[in-house]
Amino acid sequence: MRVFETATKELRFMHDESDLMGLEKVSADYYWAEQEIDKLEKELAVTVSEDARRRLSKLTEYFTTQQSITGEVFYNQGFADGIRLIIFVFHRRVGRKQKQTPCPLVFS
C-alpha cells in the first residue's frame, strides 16, 4: 500500500490551500459542531480548572489525531481499490479482444 500512500501524498501537495473552502461554509453539520465546541469551551472555562482543561484539550487532540489517521487509511485503501478496479476492467476489456485470462494485478 506504500505506493498508494505516496501517490495520495503527492496529490495533496498539488492542492493550493487558498482554493479550499472553509468547511463551515460547505457543511451544516461541520458548522453546528464548531458552534457546539465553542459553547462547551466557554462553559469549561468557567466551571473547570486550568489543569483539567489542559488535559481535556490533550485528550481531544489525541482523539482527533487518531480519527484523522483513520480517515487517511480509509482514503488510501479506497484509492488503492479504485486503481485495482480500473486495472481489472481495463484488463478484462483487453482480454475480450485477445484471449481472456484472469487479471494478475487484482488481489482478492
N, C-alpha and C. Protein backbone atom coordinates (compact mmCIF):
# COMPACT_ATOMS: atom_id res chain seq x y z
N MET A 1 0.83 -1.19 0.00
CA MET A 1 0.00 0.00 0.00
C MET A 1 0.87 1.25 0.00
N ARG A 2 2.14 1.15 0.19
CA ARG A 2 3.03 2.32 0.22
C ARG A 2 2.96 3.12 -1.08
N VAL A 3 2.80 2.45 -2.21
CA VAL A 3 2.71 3.14 -3.50
C VAL A 3 1.51 4.08 -3.49
N PHE A 4 0.37 3.62 -2.99
CA PHE A 4 -0.84 4.42 -2.97
C PHE A 4 -0.72 5.56 -1.96
N GLU A 5 -0.07 5.31 -0.83
CA GLU A 5 0.14 6.37 0.15
C GLU A 5 1.01 7.48 -0.46
N THR A 6 2.05 7.09 -1.18
CA THR A 6 2.91 8.07 -1.84
C THR A 6 2.13 8.87 -2.87
N ALA A 7 1.31 8.18 -3.66
CA ALA A 7 0.52 8.86 -4.70
C ALA A 7 -0.45 9.86 -4.08
N THR A 8 -1.13 9.47 -3.00
CA THR A 8 -2.09 10.38 -2.38
C THR A 8 -1.39 11.57 -1.73
N LYS A 9 -0.19 11.34 -1.17
CA LYS A 9 0.56 12.47 -0.60
C LYS A 9 0.95 13.45 -1.70
N GLU A 10 1.38 12.93 -2.84
CA GLU A 10 1.74 13.80 -3.96
C GLU A 10 0.53 14.60 -4.44
N LEU A 11 -0.63 13.96 -4.48
CA LEU A 11 -1.85 14.67 -4.89
C LEU A 11 -2.18 15.79 -3.92
N ARG A 12 -1.96 15.54 -2.62
CA ARG A 12 -2.24 16.58 -1.62
C ARG A 12 -1.32 17.79 -1.81
N PHE A 13 -0.06 17.54 -2.17
CA PHE A 13 0.87 18.64 -2.37
C PHE A 13 0.47 19.50 -3.56
N MET A 14 -0.27 18.92 -4.50
CA MET A 14 -0.68 19.66 -5.70
C MET A 14 -1.79 20.66 -5.39
N HIS A 15 -2.53 20.46 -4.30
CA HIS A 15 -3.63 21.35 -3.97
C HIS A 15 -3.11 22.65 -3.39
N ASP A 16 -3.72 23.73 -3.79
CA ASP A 16 -3.40 25.04 -3.24
C ASP A 16 -4.42 25.32 -2.14
N GLU A 17 -3.95 25.52 -0.93
CA GLU A 17 -4.87 25.71 0.20
C GLU A 17 -5.79 26.90 0.01
N SER A 18 -5.37 27.89 -0.76
CA SER A 18 -6.24 29.06 -0.96
C SER A 18 -7.47 28.70 -1.79
N ASP A 19 -7.42 27.57 -2.51
CA ASP A 19 -8.56 27.13 -3.31
C ASP A 19 -9.61 26.39 -2.47
N LEU A 20 -9.25 25.99 -1.27
CA LEU A 20 -10.15 25.20 -0.44
C LEU A 20 -11.12 26.11 0.30
N MET A 21 -12.38 25.71 0.35
CA MET A 21 -13.39 26.48 1.08
C MET A 21 -13.36 26.10 2.56
N GLY A 22 -13.77 27.02 3.40
CA GLY A 22 -13.92 26.70 4.81
C GLY A 22 -15.03 25.66 4.96
N LEU A 23 -14.77 24.63 5.73
CA LEU A 23 -15.76 23.55 5.88
C LEU A 23 -17.07 24.05 6.45
N GLU A 24 -17.01 25.07 7.30
CA GLU A 24 -18.24 25.59 7.88
C GLU A 24 -19.15 26.20 6.82
N LYS A 25 -18.59 26.58 5.68
CA LYS A 25 -19.40 27.15 4.58
C LYS A 25 -19.99 26.05 3.70
N VAL A 26 -19.42 24.87 3.76
CA VAL A 26 -19.84 23.76 2.90
C VAL A 26 -20.78 22.80 3.61
N SER A 27 -20.54 22.59 4.90
CA SER A 27 -21.29 21.57 5.64
C SER A 27 -22.01 22.17 6.84
N ALA A 28 -23.32 22.01 6.87
CA ALA A 28 -24.10 22.48 8.01
C ALA A 28 -23.72 21.70 9.26
N ASP A 29 -23.41 20.42 9.12
CA ASP A 29 -23.01 19.60 10.27
C ASP A 29 -21.70 20.10 10.86
N TYR A 30 -20.76 20.45 10.00
CA TYR A 30 -19.48 20.98 10.48
C TYR A 30 -19.70 22.29 11.23
N TYR A 31 -20.51 23.16 10.66
CA TYR A 31 -20.81 24.45 11.30
C TYR A 31 -21.45 24.23 12.67
N TRP A 32 -22.43 23.32 12.73
CA TRP A 32 -23.10 23.00 14.00
C TRP A 32 -22.09 22.51 15.03
N ALA A 33 -21.22 21.58 14.64
CA ALA A 33 -20.22 21.03 15.56
C ALA A 33 -19.27 22.12 16.05
N GLU A 34 -18.88 23.00 15.14
CA GLU A 34 -18.00 24.10 15.50
C GLU A 34 -18.65 25.02 16.55
N GLN A 35 -19.94 25.31 16.37
CA GLN A 35 -20.66 26.15 17.33
C GLN A 35 -20.77 25.47 18.70
N GLU A 36 -21.04 24.16 18.70
CA GLU A 36 -21.15 23.42 19.95
C GLU A 36 -19.80 23.36 20.68
N ILE A 37 -18.73 23.19 19.93
CA ILE A 37 -17.40 23.18 20.54
C ILE A 37 -17.11 24.52 21.21
N ASP A 38 -17.42 25.60 20.52
CA ASP A 38 -17.21 26.94 21.09
C ASP A 38 -18.00 27.12 22.38
N LYS A 39 -19.26 26.66 22.37
CA LYS A 39 -20.09 26.77 23.58
C LYS A 39 -19.49 25.99 24.75
N LEU A 40 -19.09 24.76 24.47
CA LEU A 40 -18.52 23.92 25.53
C LEU A 40 -17.22 24.50 26.07
N GLU A 41 -16.39 25.03 25.18
CA GLU A 41 -15.13 25.63 25.64
C GLU A 41 -15.39 26.80 26.58
N LYS A 42 -16.39 27.60 26.27
CA LYS A 42 -16.74 28.73 27.14
C LYS A 42 -17.27 28.25 28.49
N GLU A 43 -18.10 27.21 28.47
CA GLU A 43 -18.62 26.64 29.72
C GLU A 43 -17.49 26.07 30.57
N LEU A 44 -16.59 25.31 29.93
CA LEU A 44 -15.49 24.70 30.65
C LEU A 44 -14.54 25.75 31.24
N ALA A 45 -14.39 26.87 30.56
CA ALA A 45 -13.51 27.93 31.06
C ALA A 45 -13.99 28.46 32.40
N VAL A 46 -15.30 28.38 32.61
CA VAL A 46 -15.88 28.89 33.86
C VAL A 46 -15.95 27.81 34.94
N THR A 47 -16.21 26.57 34.55
CA THR A 47 -16.52 25.53 35.53
C THR A 47 -15.39 24.55 35.84
N VAL A 48 -14.35 24.52 35.03
CA VAL A 48 -13.30 23.50 35.19
C VAL A 48 -11.95 24.19 35.39
N SER A 49 -11.10 23.56 36.20
CA SER A 49 -9.78 24.14 36.47
C SER A 49 -8.92 24.18 35.19
N GLU A 50 -7.91 25.03 35.24
CA GLU A 50 -7.00 25.18 34.10
C GLU A 50 -6.30 23.86 33.78
N ASP A 51 -5.88 23.13 34.81
CA ASP A 51 -5.21 21.85 34.60
C ASP A 51 -6.14 20.84 33.92
N ALA A 52 -7.38 20.77 34.38
CA ALA A 52 -8.35 19.85 33.78
C ALA A 52 -8.65 20.24 32.33
N ARG A 53 -8.74 21.53 32.04
CA ARG A 53 -8.97 21.99 30.67
C ARG A 53 -7.80 21.61 29.77
N ARG A 54 -6.59 21.75 30.29
CA ARG A 54 -5.40 21.40 29.52
C ARG A 54 -5.40 19.91 29.21
N ARG A 55 -5.76 19.10 30.20
CA ARG A 55 -5.80 17.64 29.99
C ARG A 55 -6.91 17.25 29.02
N LEU A 56 -8.06 17.90 29.13
CA LEU A 56 -9.14 17.65 28.17
C LEU A 56 -8.73 18.04 26.75
N SER A 57 -8.00 19.14 26.66
CA SER A 57 -7.52 19.59 25.36
C SER A 57 -6.58 18.56 24.75
N LYS A 58 -5.69 18.01 25.56
CA LYS A 58 -4.76 16.97 25.08
C LYS A 58 -5.54 15.73 24.64
N LEU A 59 -6.53 15.34 25.43
CA LEU A 59 -7.35 14.19 25.09
C LEU A 59 -8.02 14.40 23.73
N THR A 60 -8.58 15.58 23.54
CA THR A 60 -9.23 15.91 22.27
C THR A 60 -8.23 15.89 21.12
N GLU A 61 -7.04 16.42 21.37
CA GLU A 61 -6.00 16.44 20.34
C GLU A 61 -5.62 15.02 19.92
N TYR A 62 -5.42 14.13 20.90
CA TYR A 62 -5.06 12.75 20.59
C TYR A 62 -6.19 12.03 19.84
N PHE A 63 -7.42 12.26 20.28
CA PHE A 63 -8.56 11.63 19.62
C PHE A 63 -8.68 12.12 18.18
N THR A 64 -8.52 13.42 17.97
CA THR A 64 -8.59 13.99 16.63
C THR A 64 -7.50 13.43 15.73
N THR A 65 -6.29 13.31 16.28
CA THR A 65 -5.19 12.72 15.52
C THR A 65 -5.52 11.29 15.12
N GLN A 66 -6.04 10.53 16.05
CA GLN A 66 -6.41 9.14 15.78
C GLN A 66 -7.47 9.07 14.68
N GLN A 67 -8.47 9.91 14.74
CA GLN A 67 -9.53 9.91 13.74
C GLN A 67 -9.01 10.37 12.37
N SER A 68 -8.10 11.32 12.36
CA SER A 68 -7.51 11.79 11.10
C SER A 68 -6.71 10.67 10.43
N ILE A 69 -5.96 9.94 11.23
CA ILE A 69 -5.17 8.82 10.69
C ILE A 69 -6.10 7.75 10.14
N THR A 70 -7.19 7.48 10.86
CA THR A 70 -8.17 6.50 10.38
C THR A 70 -8.73 6.93 9.03
N GLY A 71 -9.08 8.21 8.91
CA GLY A 71 -9.59 8.72 7.64
C GLY A 71 -8.58 8.59 6.52
N GLU A 72 -7.30 8.85 6.82
CA GLU A 72 -6.24 8.72 5.82
C GLU A 72 -6.10 7.28 5.35
N VAL A 73 -6.14 6.33 6.30
CA VAL A 73 -6.02 4.92 5.95
C VAL A 73 -7.19 4.51 5.05
N PHE A 74 -8.41 4.91 5.42
CA PHE A 74 -9.59 4.58 4.61
C PHE A 74 -9.49 5.22 3.23
N TYR A 75 -9.03 6.47 3.16
CA TYR A 75 -8.87 7.16 1.88
C TYR A 75 -7.87 6.42 1.00
N ASN A 76 -6.71 6.06 1.58
CA ASN A 76 -5.70 5.34 0.81
C ASN A 76 -6.21 3.98 0.35
N GLN A 77 -6.95 3.29 1.20
CA GLN A 77 -7.49 1.98 0.82
C GLN A 77 -8.51 2.14 -0.31
N GLY A 78 -9.35 3.16 -0.23
CA GLY A 78 -10.31 3.42 -1.30
C GLY A 78 -9.61 3.77 -2.61
N PHE A 79 -8.55 4.55 -2.52
CA PHE A 79 -7.76 4.90 -3.71
C PHE A 79 -7.17 3.63 -4.32
N ALA A 80 -6.58 2.77 -3.47
CA ALA A 80 -5.99 1.52 -3.95
C ALA A 80 -7.06 0.62 -4.58
N ASP A 81 -8.22 0.53 -3.95
CA ASP A 81 -9.31 -0.28 -4.51
C ASP A 81 -9.76 0.27 -5.86
N GLY A 82 -9.83 1.59 -5.98
CA GLY A 82 -10.23 2.21 -7.25
C GLY A 82 -9.24 1.90 -8.36
N ILE A 83 -7.95 1.98 -8.05
CA ILE A 83 -6.93 1.67 -9.06
C ILE A 83 -7.02 0.20 -9.46
N ARG A 84 -7.19 -0.67 -8.48
CA ARG A 84 -7.32 -2.10 -8.80
C ARG A 84 -8.54 -2.36 -9.69
N LEU A 85 -9.65 -1.66 -9.41
CA LEU A 85 -10.85 -1.82 -10.23
C LEU A 85 -10.59 -1.35 -11.67
N ILE A 86 -9.93 -0.22 -11.81
CA ILE A 86 -9.61 0.29 -13.15
C ILE A 86 -8.73 -0.71 -13.90
N ILE A 87 -7.72 -1.23 -13.22
CA ILE A 87 -6.83 -2.21 -13.86
C ILE A 87 -7.61 -3.46 -14.24
N PHE A 88 -8.48 -3.92 -13.36
CA PHE A 88 -9.27 -5.11 -13.63
C PHE A 88 -10.17 -4.91 -14.85
N VAL A 89 -10.89 -3.78 -14.89
CA VAL A 89 -11.79 -3.51 -16.01
C VAL A 89 -10.99 -3.37 -17.31
N PHE A 90 -9.89 -2.65 -17.26
CA PHE A 90 -9.07 -2.50 -18.45
C PHE A 90 -8.56 -3.85 -18.93
N HIS A 91 -8.10 -4.66 -17.99
CA HIS A 91 -7.56 -5.98 -18.35
C HIS A 91 -8.64 -6.86 -18.96
N ARG A 92 -9.85 -6.80 -18.42
CA ARG A 92 -10.94 -7.62 -18.97
C ARG A 92 -11.31 -7.16 -20.37
N ARG A 93 -11.31 -5.85 -20.62
CA ARG A 93 -11.65 -5.35 -21.96
C ARG A 93 -10.60 -5.79 -22.96
N VAL A 94 -9.33 -5.69 -22.58
CA VAL A 94 -8.25 -6.13 -23.46
C VAL A 94 -8.33 -7.64 -23.62
N GLY A 95 -8.67 -8.35 -22.54
CA GLY A 95 -8.77 -9.82 -22.58
C GLY A 95 -9.85 -10.29 -23.53
N ARG A 96 -10.95 -9.54 -23.66
CA ARG A 96 -12.01 -9.92 -24.59
C ARG A 96 -11.54 -9.81 -26.03
N LYS A 97 -10.71 -8.81 -26.30
CA LYS A 97 -10.21 -8.62 -27.66
C LYS A 97 -9.17 -9.68 -27.99
N GLN A 98 -8.42 -10.12 -27.00
CA GLN A 98 -7.42 -11.17 -27.22
C GLN A 98 -7.99 -12.44 -26.59
N LYS A 99 -7.21 -13.14 -25.84
CA LYS A 99 -7.74 -14.28 -25.09
C LYS A 99 -8.02 -13.84 -23.67
N GLN A 100 -9.05 -14.37 -23.07
CA GLN A 100 -9.44 -13.93 -21.73
C GLN A 100 -8.69 -14.73 -20.67
N THR A 101 -7.93 -14.00 -19.85
CA THR A 101 -7.18 -14.62 -18.74
C THR A 101 -7.48 -13.82 -17.49
N PRO A 102 -7.35 -14.43 -16.32
CA PRO A 102 -7.58 -13.69 -15.08
C PRO A 102 -6.54 -12.58 -14.91
N CYS A 103 -6.94 -11.52 -14.31
CA CYS A 103 -6.05 -10.37 -14.10
C CYS A 103 -5.10 -10.66 -12.94
N PRO A 104 -3.79 -10.67 -13.20
CA PRO A 104 -2.83 -10.98 -12.14
C PRO A 104 -2.63 -9.81 -11.17
N LEU A 105 -3.10 -8.62 -11.51
CA LEU A 105 -2.87 -7.46 -10.66
C LEU A 105 -3.97 -7.25 -9.64
N VAL A 106 -5.09 -7.95 -9.78
CA VAL A 106 -6.20 -7.76 -8.85
C VAL A 106 -6.06 -8.79 -7.73
N PHE A 107 -6.05 -8.26 -6.50
CA PHE A 107 -5.88 -9.12 -5.34
C PHE A 107 -7.24 -9.35 -4.70
N SER A 108 -7.44 -10.54 -4.22
CA SER A 108 -8.73 -10.82 -3.56
C SER A 108 -8.61 -10.75 -2.08
